Amino acid sequence: MEYNVRGDDNSKELFLQGRLTFSDNVVFRKIVDDLKEYNGTKCVFDLSSLEFIDSAGLGMLMLLRDATVGKPFTLSIRNADGQVRRMLEIAKFDALIPFED
């Protein structure tokens, strides 16, 4: 997985690309740690370029959600499609992290 970040002190967008699997654990934990310090009002994960997610990737999204509960910003997922969207729907992620579609 690769990722890019855009935004400012108020709003942040993270664009994930490729495949989100267990091998991305270290990189994803860095994203989570960075967000623990974020004090903006909105954070969006854009998954339009994410081609694949496995159960470990879903677990990492759960860690993200758990680490940001109580933070001053809203967290959402945008543009999940294909296999990624199906996995998120099967796991009922929209009940945990709102979808912006």
Protein backbone atom coordinates (compact mmCIF):
# COMPACT_ATOMS: atom_id res chain seq x y z
CA MET A 1 0.00 0.00 0.00
CA GLU A 2 1.04 3.52 -0.72
CA TYR A 3 -0.62 6.64 0.61
CA ASN A 4 -0.67 10.38 0.15
CA VAL A 5 -1.94 13.03 2.53
CA ARG A 6 -3.53 16.34 1.59
CA GLY A 7 -5.03 18.97 3.79
CA ASP A 8 -4.34 21.56 6.40
CA ASP A 9 -4.75 22.02 10.15
CA ASN A 10 -8.54 21.77 9.84
CA SER A 11 -9.20 19.01 7.28
CA LYS A 12 -7.15 16.04 6.17
CA GLU A 13 -7.57 13.57 3.29
CA LEU A 14 -5.61 10.34 3.06
CA PHE A 15 -5.52 8.58 -0.31
CA LEU A 16 -4.72 4.86 -0.06
CA GLN A 17 -3.44 3.04 -3.15
CA GLY A 18 -2.80 -0.59 -4.02
CA ARG A 19 -3.45 -3.39 -1.54
CA LEU A 20 -4.04 -3.12 2.21
CA THR A 21 -2.79 -6.35 3.78
CA PHE A 22 -0.87 -7.50 6.85
CA SER A 23 2.40 -6.51 5.21
CA ASP A 24 1.30 -2.85 5.53
CA ASN A 25 0.93 -3.09 9.30
CA VAL A 26 3.96 -0.91 10.15
CA VAL A 27 3.06 1.81 7.65
CA PHE A 28 -0.58 1.85 8.74
CA ARG A 29 0.38 2.10 12.41
CA LYS A 30 2.35 5.23 11.53
CA ILE A 31 -0.81 6.70 9.98
CA VAL A 32 -2.74 5.84 13.14
CA ASP A 33 -0.05 7.33 15.39
CA ASP A 34 -0.01 10.54 13.33
CA LEU A 35 -3.79 10.84 13.60
CA LYS A 36 -3.65 10.50 17.37
CA GLU A 37 -1.94 13.92 17.35
CA TYR A 38 -4.27 15.51 14.76
CA ASN A 39 -6.54 18.24 16.13
CA GLY A 40 -8.50 19.23 13.01
CA THR A 41 -12.22 18.75 12.48
CA LYS A 42 -12.36 16.24 9.61
CA CYS A 43 -10.35 13.26 8.34
CA VAL A 44 -11.37 11.37 5.19
CA PHE A 45 -9.87 8.13 3.91
CA ASP A 46 -10.27 8.05 0.13
CA LEU A 47 -10.15 4.44 -1.06
CA SER A 48 -10.77 5.06 -4.78
CA SER A 49 -7.30 3.71 -5.65
CA LEU A 50 -7.32 0.86 -3.13
CA GLU A 51 -7.68 -2.32 -5.17
CA PHE A 52 -7.76 -4.95 -2.43
CA ILE A 53 -8.23 -5.30 1.32
CA ASP A 54 -7.97 -8.50 3.36
CA SER A 55 -9.05 -9.31 6.91
CA ALA A 56 -5.83 -7.85 8.32
CA GLY A 57 -6.55 -4.63 6.44
CA LEU A 58 -10.02 -4.55 7.99
CA GLY A 59 -8.39 -5.05 11.36
CA MET A 60 -6.12 -2.08 10.73
CA LEU A 61 -9.16 0.07 9.94
CA MET A 62 -10.63 -1.09 13.27
CA LEU A 63 -7.43 -0.01 15.03
CA LEU A 64 -7.75 3.35 13.29
CA ARG A 65 -11.31 3.77 14.46
CA ASP A 66 -10.52 2.70 18.03
CA ALA A 67 -7.52 5.05 18.21
CA THR A 68 -9.56 8.04 17.07
CA VAL A 69 -12.68 7.62 19.22
CA GLY A 70 -13.07 10.77 21.30
CA LYS A 71 -10.80 12.83 19.05
CA PRO A 72 -12.03 16.25 17.92
CA PHE A 73 -12.40 15.24 14.26
CA THR A 74 -14.91 13.19 12.30
CA LEU A 75 -13.58 10.16 10.48
CA SER A 76 -15.09 8.89 7.23
CA ILE A 77 -14.43 6.65 4.23
CA ARG A 78 -14.92 7.85 0.67
CA ASN A 79 -15.02 6.14 -2.74
CA ALA A 80 -14.64 2.50 -1.71
CA ASP A 81 -15.35 0.37 -4.78
CA GLY A 82 -15.23 -3.23 -6.02
CA GLN A 83 -13.75 -5.84 -3.70
CA VAL A 84 -12.89 -3.20 -1.10
CA ARG A 85 -16.49 -1.98 -0.95
CA ARG A 86 -17.81 -5.55 -0.69
CA MET A 87 -15.45 -6.36 2.18
CA LEU A 88 -16.42 -3.19 4.06
CA GLU A 89 -20.12 -3.92 3.54
CA ILE A 90 -19.82 -7.57 4.63
CA ALA A 91 -18.00 -6.44 7.77
CA LYS A 92 -20.65 -3.72 8.37
CA PHE A 93 -17.99 -1.00 8.52
CA ASP A 94 -20.52 1.70 7.74
CA ALA A 95 -21.76 1.24 11.32
CA LEU A 96 -18.26 1.99 12.60
CA ILE A 97 -16.87 4.54 10.14
CA PRO A 98 -19.39 6.50 8.05
CA PHE A 99 -19.17 6.29 4.24
CA GLU A 100 -19.29 9.56 2.30
CA ASP A 101 -20.39 8.19 -1.07
